Amino acid sequence: MKNKIVKLIVIIVAILIIIDQISKILVSNLLSEPLGNEYFKLEIVNNTGMAFGFNDGNLRNIFLSVFVLIIIIRFIKNQLERIDTKTAIAIAMVLGGAISNLIDRIFRGSILDFIRIYKIPNFNLADLCIVTGWILIIIFLIDFSRK
């Protein structure tokens, strides 16, 4: 079971990184000006901060990102016996999104955000994976604690 969970996590992480990086390459090469309306818009923003531009321009963000990734990986290693498939998928979503954004931060100097929905600050597919993954993990933990 341990090997199956690790393989699942690695495969999902790799797929999410590839999809996110391809989406960023396509948007950066094809989108020269914002496209959409006030409710949904594709608009390139280079985010040097954390989520929603928090802590903008701080180089320590790279170290904080790596630190969080190390904690998640250690958690997986220590809890591997207890992780079920649905939790593994949620963890892989967080890891895949975080690693893809870290790739941006290292190689682009900022994270390329390009999706804007109404008043929500711009985000990308990796951000969507991270947020969704954490929401699922919280739901699974609440469900697990009730049993």
N, C-alpha and C. Protein backbone atom coordinates (compact mmCIF):
# COMPACT_ATOMS: atom_id res chain seq x y z
N MET A 1 0.83 -1.21 0.00
CA MET A 1 0.00 0.00 0.00
C MET A 1 0.86 1.26 0.00
N LYS A 2 2.00 1.22 0.75
CA LYS A 2 2.86 2.39 0.82
C LYS A 2 3.37 2.78 -0.57
N ASN A 3 3.85 1.82 -1.32
CA ASN A 3 4.38 2.12 -2.65
C ASN A 3 3.31 2.66 -3.57
N LYS A 4 2.10 2.13 -3.46
CA LYS A 4 0.99 2.59 -4.29
C LYS A 4 0.68 4.06 -4.01
N ILE A 5 0.65 4.43 -2.75
CA ILE A 5 0.37 5.82 -2.35
C ILE A 5 1.49 6.75 -2.84
N VAL A 6 2.73 6.35 -2.65
CA VAL A 6 3.87 7.17 -3.10
C VAL A 6 3.83 7.35 -4.61
N LYS A 7 3.58 6.27 -5.35
CA LYS A 7 3.48 6.37 -6.81
C LYS A 7 2.36 7.29 -7.23
N LEU A 8 1.20 7.17 -6.57
CA LEU A 8 0.06 8.03 -6.88
C LEU A 8 0.42 9.50 -6.66
N ILE A 9 1.03 9.80 -5.54
CA ILE A 9 1.42 11.18 -5.23
C ILE A 9 2.40 11.70 -6.27
N VAL A 10 3.43 10.93 -6.59
CA VAL A 10 4.44 11.35 -7.56
C VAL A 10 3.82 11.59 -8.94
N ILE A 11 2.95 10.70 -9.38
CA ILE A 11 2.32 10.85 -10.69
C ILE A 11 1.44 12.10 -10.74
N ILE A 12 0.61 12.29 -9.71
CA ILE A 12 -0.26 13.47 -9.69
C ILE A 12 0.55 14.75 -9.63
N VAL A 13 1.57 14.78 -8.78
CA VAL A 13 2.44 15.97 -8.68
C VAL A 13 3.04 16.29 -10.05
N ALA A 14 3.59 15.28 -10.72
CA ALA A 14 4.21 15.51 -12.03
C ALA A 14 3.20 16.03 -13.05
N ILE A 15 2.02 15.43 -13.08
CA ILE A 15 0.98 15.87 -14.03
C ILE A 15 0.57 17.31 -13.75
N LEU A 16 0.37 17.65 -12.48
CA LEU A 16 -0.05 19.02 -12.13
C LEU A 16 1.03 20.04 -12.48
N ILE A 17 2.27 19.71 -12.23
CA ILE A 17 3.37 20.62 -12.58
C ILE A 17 3.39 20.84 -14.09
N ILE A 18 3.28 19.77 -14.86
CA ILE A 18 3.31 19.88 -16.32
C ILE A 18 2.15 20.74 -16.82
N ILE A 19 0.94 20.47 -16.34
CA ILE A 19 -0.23 21.24 -16.78
C ILE A 19 -0.08 22.70 -16.41
N ASP A 20 0.34 22.98 -15.18
CA ASP A 20 0.48 24.37 -14.74
C ASP A 20 1.55 25.09 -15.54
N GLN A 21 2.71 24.46 -15.73
CA GLN A 21 3.79 25.12 -16.47
C GLN A 21 3.40 25.35 -17.93
N ILE A 22 2.71 24.39 -18.55
CA ILE A 22 2.26 24.57 -19.94
C ILE A 22 1.26 25.73 -20.00
N SER A 23 0.35 25.80 -19.04
CA SER A 23 -0.63 26.90 -19.05
C SER A 23 0.07 28.25 -18.94
N LYS A 24 1.09 28.33 -18.12
CA LYS A 24 1.82 29.60 -17.95
C LYS A 24 2.61 29.95 -19.21
N ILE A 25 3.20 28.96 -19.85
CA ILE A 25 3.93 29.20 -21.10
C ILE A 25 2.97 29.68 -22.18
N LEU A 26 1.84 29.01 -22.31
CA LEU A 26 0.85 29.41 -23.33
C LEU A 26 0.34 30.83 -23.08
N VAL A 27 -0.03 31.11 -21.85
CA VAL A 27 -0.55 32.45 -21.53
C VAL A 27 0.52 33.51 -21.77
N SER A 28 1.74 33.27 -21.33
CA SER A 28 2.78 34.29 -21.50
C SER A 28 3.14 34.51 -22.97
N ASN A 29 2.97 33.46 -23.80
CA ASN A 29 3.28 33.61 -25.23
C ASN A 29 2.11 34.11 -26.07
N LEU A 30 0.89 33.86 -25.63
CA LEU A 30 -0.28 34.17 -26.47
C LEU A 30 -1.10 35.36 -25.99
N LEU A 31 -0.99 35.73 -24.73
CA LEU A 31 -1.84 36.79 -24.19
C LEU A 31 -1.05 38.09 -24.09
N SER A 32 -1.32 39.00 -25.01
CA SER A 32 -0.59 40.26 -25.02
C SER A 32 -1.33 41.36 -24.25
N GLU A 33 -2.63 41.22 -24.12
CA GLU A 33 -3.43 42.18 -23.35
C GLU A 33 -4.55 41.42 -22.65
N PRO A 34 -5.10 42.00 -21.58
CA PRO A 34 -6.16 41.30 -20.83
C PRO A 34 -7.32 40.89 -21.74
N LEU A 35 -7.91 39.75 -21.43
CA LEU A 35 -9.00 39.20 -22.22
C LEU A 35 -10.13 38.80 -21.29
N GLY A 36 -11.31 39.35 -21.48
CA GLY A 36 -12.46 39.00 -20.66
C GLY A 36 -13.23 40.21 -20.22
N ASN A 37 -13.94 40.06 -19.12
CA ASN A 37 -14.75 41.15 -18.60
C ASN A 37 -14.50 41.32 -17.10
N GLU A 38 -15.36 42.10 -16.43
CA GLU A 38 -15.13 42.35 -15.00
C GLU A 38 -15.36 41.13 -14.11
N TYR A 39 -16.04 40.12 -14.63
CA TYR A 39 -16.34 38.92 -13.84
C TYR A 39 -15.32 37.80 -14.04
N PHE A 40 -14.80 37.68 -15.25
CA PHE A 40 -13.78 36.68 -15.54
C PHE A 40 -12.82 37.26 -16.57
N LYS A 41 -11.54 37.25 -16.22
CA LYS A 41 -10.55 37.86 -17.10
C LYS A 41 -9.25 37.06 -17.06
N LEU A 42 -8.62 36.92 -18.23
CA LEU A 42 -7.26 36.41 -18.30
C LEU A 42 -6.36 37.64 -18.37
N GLU A 43 -5.52 37.79 -17.39
CA GLU A 43 -4.68 38.98 -17.26
C GLU A 43 -3.40 38.60 -16.54
N ILE A 44 -2.27 38.83 -17.16
CA ILE A 44 -0.99 38.43 -16.59
C ILE A 44 -0.55 39.39 -15.49
N VAL A 45 -0.21 38.80 -14.34
CA VAL A 45 0.35 39.54 -13.22
C VAL A 45 1.55 38.73 -12.73
N ASN A 46 2.69 39.37 -12.55
CA ASN A 46 3.86 38.71 -11.99
C ASN A 46 3.87 38.96 -10.49
N ASN A 47 3.60 37.92 -9.74
CA ASN A 47 3.44 37.99 -8.30
C ASN A 47 4.76 37.62 -7.63
N THR A 48 5.38 38.57 -6.96
CA THR A 48 6.63 38.29 -6.23
C THR A 48 6.36 37.98 -4.76
N GLY A 49 5.09 37.99 -4.39
CA GLY A 49 4.72 37.70 -3.01
C GLY A 49 4.24 36.27 -2.84
N MET A 50 3.54 36.07 -1.77
CA MET A 50 2.95 34.76 -1.49
C MET A 50 1.53 34.78 -2.07
N ALA A 51 0.63 34.04 -1.48
CA ALA A 51 -0.75 34.00 -1.97
C ALA A 51 -1.36 35.39 -1.98
N PHE A 52 -2.02 35.73 -3.07
CA PHE A 52 -2.70 37.02 -3.25
C PHE A 52 -1.76 38.22 -3.12
N GLY A 53 -0.48 38.01 -3.41
CA GLY A 53 0.48 39.11 -3.38
C GLY A 53 0.98 39.47 -1.99
N PHE A 54 0.56 38.73 -0.97
CA PHE A 54 1.01 38.99 0.40
C PHE A 54 2.53 38.87 0.48
N ASN A 55 3.16 39.79 1.20
CA ASN A 55 4.62 39.77 1.40
C ASN A 55 5.35 39.99 0.07
N ASP A 56 4.82 40.85 -0.74
CA ASP A 56 5.32 41.13 -2.09
C ASP A 56 6.80 41.54 -2.08
N GLY A 57 7.56 40.93 -2.98
CA GLY A 57 8.94 41.32 -3.20
C GLY A 57 9.95 40.79 -2.19
N ASN A 58 9.52 39.96 -1.27
CA ASN A 58 10.41 39.47 -0.23
C ASN A 58 11.09 38.18 -0.71
N LEU A 59 12.41 38.21 -0.83
CA LEU A 59 13.16 37.04 -1.28
C LEU A 59 13.06 35.86 -0.31
N ARG A 60 12.69 36.13 0.91
CA ARG A 60 12.53 35.05 1.89
C ARG A 60 11.37 34.13 1.52
N ASN A 61 10.52 34.56 0.60
CA ASN A 61 9.39 33.73 0.17
C ASN A 61 9.87 32.40 -0.39
N ILE A 62 11.01 32.40 -1.07
CA ILE A 62 11.55 31.15 -1.61
C ILE A 62 11.87 30.20 -0.46
N PHE A 63 12.53 30.70 0.57
CA PHE A 63 12.90 29.86 1.70
C PHE A 63 11.67 29.38 2.46
N LEU A 64 10.68 30.25 2.59
CA LEU A 64 9.44 29.85 3.25
C LEU A 64 8.74 28.75 2.45
N SER A 65 8.72 28.88 1.13
CA SER A 65 8.11 27.87 0.26
C SER A 65 8.82 26.53 0.40
N VAL A 66 10.13 26.55 0.39
CA VAL A 66 10.91 25.31 0.53
C VAL A 66 10.66 24.70 1.91
N PHE A 67 10.61 25.52 2.93
CA PHE A 67 10.37 25.05 4.30
C PHE A 67 9.02 24.34 4.40
N VAL A 68 7.98 24.95 3.83
CA VAL A 68 6.64 24.34 3.84
C VAL A 68 6.65 23.02 3.08
N LEU A 69 7.33 22.97 1.93
CA LEU A 69 7.42 21.73 1.16
C LEU A 69 8.11 20.63 1.96
N ILE A 70 9.18 20.99 2.66
CA ILE A 70 9.89 20.00 3.48
C ILE A 70 8.98 19.45 4.57
N ILE A 71 8.20 20.32 5.20
CA ILE A 71 7.27 19.88 6.24
C ILE A 71 6.23 18.91 5.66
N ILE A 72 5.69 19.24 4.50
CA ILE A 72 4.68 18.36 3.87
C ILE A 72 5.30 17.01 3.51
N ILE A 73 6.48 17.02 2.95
CA ILE A 73 7.15 15.77 2.56
C ILE A 73 7.47 14.92 3.80
N ARG A 74 7.92 15.56 4.87
CA ARG A 74 8.19 14.81 6.11
C ARG A 74 6.91 14.22 6.68
N PHE A 75 5.82 14.99 6.59
CA PHE A 75 4.53 14.49 7.06
C PHE A 75 4.13 13.24 6.28
N ILE A 76 4.28 13.31 4.96
CA ILE A 76 3.95 12.15 4.12
C ILE A 76 4.80 10.95 4.55
N LYS A 77 6.09 11.18 4.71
CA LYS A 77 7.00 10.08 5.08
C LYS A 77 6.61 9.47 6.42
N ASN A 78 6.28 10.32 7.39
CA ASN A 78 5.96 9.84 8.74
C ASN A 78 4.56 9.22 8.84
N GLN A 79 3.64 9.64 7.99
CA GLN A 79 2.26 9.18 8.07
C GLN A 79 1.85 8.26 6.93
N LEU A 80 2.80 7.78 6.18
CA LEU A 80 2.52 7.02 4.96
C LEU A 80 1.59 5.83 5.21
N GLU A 81 1.73 5.18 6.33
CA GLU A 81 0.88 4.02 6.65
C GLU A 81 -0.59 4.41 6.80
N ARG A 82 -0.85 5.64 7.19
CA ARG A 82 -2.22 6.07 7.49
C ARG A 82 -2.88 6.84 6.36
N ILE A 83 -2.14 7.20 5.34
CA ILE A 83 -2.69 8.02 4.26
C ILE A 83 -3.50 7.15 3.31
N ASP A 84 -4.77 7.53 3.12
CA ASP A 84 -5.61 6.80 2.17
C ASP A 84 -5.52 7.49 0.80
N THR A 85 -6.17 6.91 -0.18
CA THR A 85 -6.05 7.40 -1.56
C THR A 85 -6.56 8.83 -1.71
N LYS A 86 -7.72 9.14 -1.14
CA LYS A 86 -8.28 10.48 -1.31
C LYS A 86 -7.40 11.54 -0.63
N THR A 87 -6.84 11.21 0.51
CA THR A 87 -5.93 12.15 1.19
C THR A 87 -4.64 12.29 0.39
N ALA A 88 -4.16 11.21 -0.18
CA ALA A 88 -2.95 11.27 -1.02
C ALA A 88 -3.17 12.19 -2.21
N ILE A 89 -4.34 12.14 -2.81
CA ILE A 89 -4.65 13.02 -3.95
C ILE A 89 -4.65 14.47 -3.50
N ALA A 90 -5.27 14.75 -2.35
CA ALA A 90 -5.31 16.13 -1.83
C ALA A 90 -3.90 16.63 -1.51
N ILE A 91 -3.09 15.79 -0.89
CA ILE A 91 -1.70 16.17 -0.59
C ILE A 91 -0.92 16.40 -1.88
N ALA A 92 -1.13 15.55 -2.86
CA ALA A 92 -0.45 15.71 -4.16
C ALA A 92 -0.85 17.02 -4.83
N MET A 93 -2.10 17.42 -4.67
CA MET A 93 -2.54 18.70 -5.24
C MET A 93 -1.77 19.87 -4.61
N VAL A 94 -1.63 19.83 -3.29
CA VAL A 94 -0.89 20.89 -2.59
C VAL A 94 0.58 20.86 -3.03
N LEU A 95 1.18 19.69 -3.04
CA LEU A 95 2.59 19.56 -3.43
C LEU A 95 2.81 19.99 -4.88
N GLY A 96 1.98 19.50 -5.79
CA GLY A 96 2.14 19.84 -7.21
C GLY A 96 2.04 21.33 -7.45
N GLY A 97 1.04 21.96 -6.84
CA GLY A 97 0.89 23.41 -6.99
C GLY A 97 2.04 24.17 -6.37
N ALA A 98 2.45 23.75 -5.18
CA ALA A 98 3.55 24.44 -4.49
C ALA A 98 4.86 24.31 -5.27
N ILE A 99 5.14 23.11 -5.77
CA ILE A 99 6.39 22.91 -6.51
C ILE A 99 6.37 23.69 -7.82
N SER A 100 5.23 23.70 -8.50
CA SER A 100 5.15 24.45 -9.75
C SER A 100 5.34 25.94 -9.52
N ASN A 101 4.73 26.47 -8.46
CA ASN A 101 4.94 27.89 -8.15
C ASN A 101 6.38 28.16 -7.72
N LEU A 102 6.99 27.21 -7.03
CA LEU A 102 8.40 27.36 -6.65
C LEU A 102 9.30 27.38 -7.89
N ILE A 103 8.96 26.57 -8.88
CA ILE A 103 9.70 26.58 -10.15
C ILE A 103 9.63 27.97 -10.76
N ASP A 104 8.44 28.57 -10.76
CA ASP A 104 8.28 29.94 -11.27
C ASP A 104 9.16 30.91 -10.49
N ARG A 105 9.07 30.81 -9.18
CA ARG A 105 9.79 31.75 -8.32
C ARG A 105 11.30 31.67 -8.57
N ILE A 106 11.80 30.46 -8.78
CA ILE A 106 13.23 30.27 -9.00
C ILE A 106 13.65 30.70 -10.41
N PHE A 107 12.90 30.27 -11.44
CA PHE A 107 13.32 30.51 -12.82
C PHE A 107 12.77 31.78 -13.45
N ARG A 108 11.65 32.29 -12.97
CA ARG A 108 11.08 33.53 -13.51
C ARG A 108 11.32 34.73 -12.59
N GLY A 109 11.61 34.45 -11.32
CA GLY A 109 11.77 35.52 -10.34
C GLY A 109 10.45 35.93 -9.72
N SER A 110 9.35 35.41 -10.24
CA SER A 110 8.02 35.69 -9.71
C SER A 110 7.08 34.59 -10.19
N ILE A 111 5.90 34.57 -9.60
CA ILE A 111 4.90 33.59 -10.01
C ILE A 111 3.96 34.24 -11.01
N LEU A 112 3.74 33.57 -12.13
CA LEU A 112 2.87 34.11 -13.17
C LEU A 112 1.42 33.75 -12.83
N ASP A 113 0.65 34.77 -12.45
CA ASP A 113 -0.78 34.60 -12.19
C ASP A 113 -1.53 35.19 -13.37
N PHE A 114 -2.61 34.53 -13.78
CA PHE A 114 -3.29 35.02 -14.98
C PHE A 114 -4.81 34.86 -14.98
N ILE A 115 -5.37 34.26 -13.96
CA ILE A 115 -6.82 34.09 -13.90
C ILE A 115 -7.37 35.10 -12.89
N ARG A 116 -8.37 35.83 -13.32
CA ARG A 116 -9.02 36.79 -12.41
C ARG A 116 -10.52 36.54 -12.45
N ILE A 117 -11.08 36.27 -11.29
CA ILE A 117 -12.53 36.09 -11.17
C ILE A 117 -13.06 37.18 -10.25
N TYR A 118 -13.86 38.04 -10.83
CA TYR A 118 -14.48 39.18 -10.16
C TYR A 118 -13.46 39.95 -9.34
N LYS A 119 -13.61 40.01 -8.03
CA LYS A 119 -12.71 40.81 -7.19
C LYS A 119 -11.60 40.00 -6.54
N ILE A 120 -11.53 38.71 -6.85
CA ILE A 120 -10.48 37.86 -6.28
C ILE A 120 -9.17 38.22 -6.97
N PRO A 121 -8.08 38.40 -6.21
CA PRO A 121 -6.79 38.69 -6.86
C PRO A 121 -6.41 37.59 -7.85
N ASN A 122 -5.61 37.97 -8.84
CA ASN A 122 -5.20 37.01 -9.88
C ASN A 122 -4.54 35.79 -9.25
N PHE A 123 -4.76 34.65 -9.92
CA PHE A 123 -4.18 33.39 -9.47
C PHE A 123 -3.89 32.53 -10.69
N ASN A 124 -3.34 31.34 -10.46
CA ASN A 124 -3.04 30.42 -11.57
C ASN A 124 -3.55 29.03 -11.21
N LEU A 125 -3.32 28.07 -12.08
CA LEU A 125 -3.80 26.70 -11.84
C LEU A 125 -3.14 26.07 -10.62
N ALA A 126 -1.87 26.38 -10.40
CA ALA A 126 -1.16 25.84 -9.23
C ALA A 126 -1.83 26.35 -7.95
N ASP A 127 -2.17 27.63 -7.91
CA ASP A 127 -2.86 28.18 -6.74
C ASP A 127 -4.19 27.48 -6.50
N LEU A 128 -4.90 27.23 -7.58
CA LEU A 128 -6.18 26.53 -7.50
C LEU A 128 -6.00 25.13 -6.90
N CYS A 129 -4.95 24.44 -7.32
CA CYS A 129 -4.64 23.10 -6.77
C CYS A 129 -4.30 23.18 -5.29
N ILE A 130 -3.50 24.17 -4.91
CA ILE A 130 -3.09 24.33 -3.51
C ILE A 130 -4.31 24.57 -2.63
N VAL A 131 -5.13 25.52 -3.01
CA VAL A 131 -6.31 25.87 -2.20
C VAL A 131 -7.27 24.69 -2.13
N THR A 132 -7.56 24.08 -3.26
CA THR A 132 -8.47 22.93 -3.29
C THR A 132 -7.91 21.78 -2.46
N GLY A 133 -6.61 21.51 -2.60
CA GLY A 133 -5.97 20.44 -1.83
C GLY A 133 -6.09 20.67 -0.33
N TRP A 134 -5.82 21.90 0.12
CA TRP A 134 -5.92 22.19 1.55
C TRP A 134 -7.35 22.08 2.05
N ILE A 135 -8.30 22.55 1.26
CA ILE A 135 -9.72 22.43 1.65
C ILE A 135 -10.09 20.96 1.81
N LEU A 136 -9.68 20.13 0.85
CA LEU A 136 -9.96 18.69 0.94
C LEU A 136 -9.30 18.06 2.15
N ILE A 137 -8.05 18.42 2.42
CA ILE A 137 -7.34 17.87 3.59
C ILE A 137 -8.09 18.23 4.87
N ILE A 138 -8.54 19.47 4.99
CA ILE A 138 -9.29 19.89 6.18
C ILE A 138 -10.60 19.11 6.30
N ILE A 139 -11.31 18.96 5.18
CA ILE A 139 -12.56 18.17 5.19
C ILE A 139 -12.28 16.74 5.63
N PHE A 140 -11.22 16.14 5.07
CA PHE A 140 -10.89 14.75 5.42
C PHE A 140 -10.49 14.63 6.89
N LEU A 141 -9.77 15.63 7.42
CA LEU A 141 -9.38 15.60 8.84
C LEU A 141 -10.60 15.72 9.74
N ILE A 142 -11.53 16.60 9.37
CA ILE A 142 -12.76 16.75 10.16
C ILE A 142 -13.55 15.44 10.13
N ASP A 143 -13.66 14.87 8.95
CA ASP A 143 -14.38 13.60 8.79
C ASP A 143 -13.70 12.49 9.61
N PHE A 144 -12.36 12.44 9.54
CA PHE A 144 -11.60 11.42 10.27
C PHE A 144 -11.78 11.58 11.78
N SER A 145 -11.79 12.84 12.27
CA SER A 145 -11.90 13.07 13.72
C SER A 145 -13.30 12.72 14.24
N ARG A 146 -14.29 12.71 13.36
CA ARG A 146 -15.66 12.34 13.77
C ARG A 146 -15.82 10.83 13.92
N LYS A 147 -14.93 10.07 13.29
CA LYS A 147 -15.07 8.61 13.32
C LYS A 147 -14.47 8.01 14.57
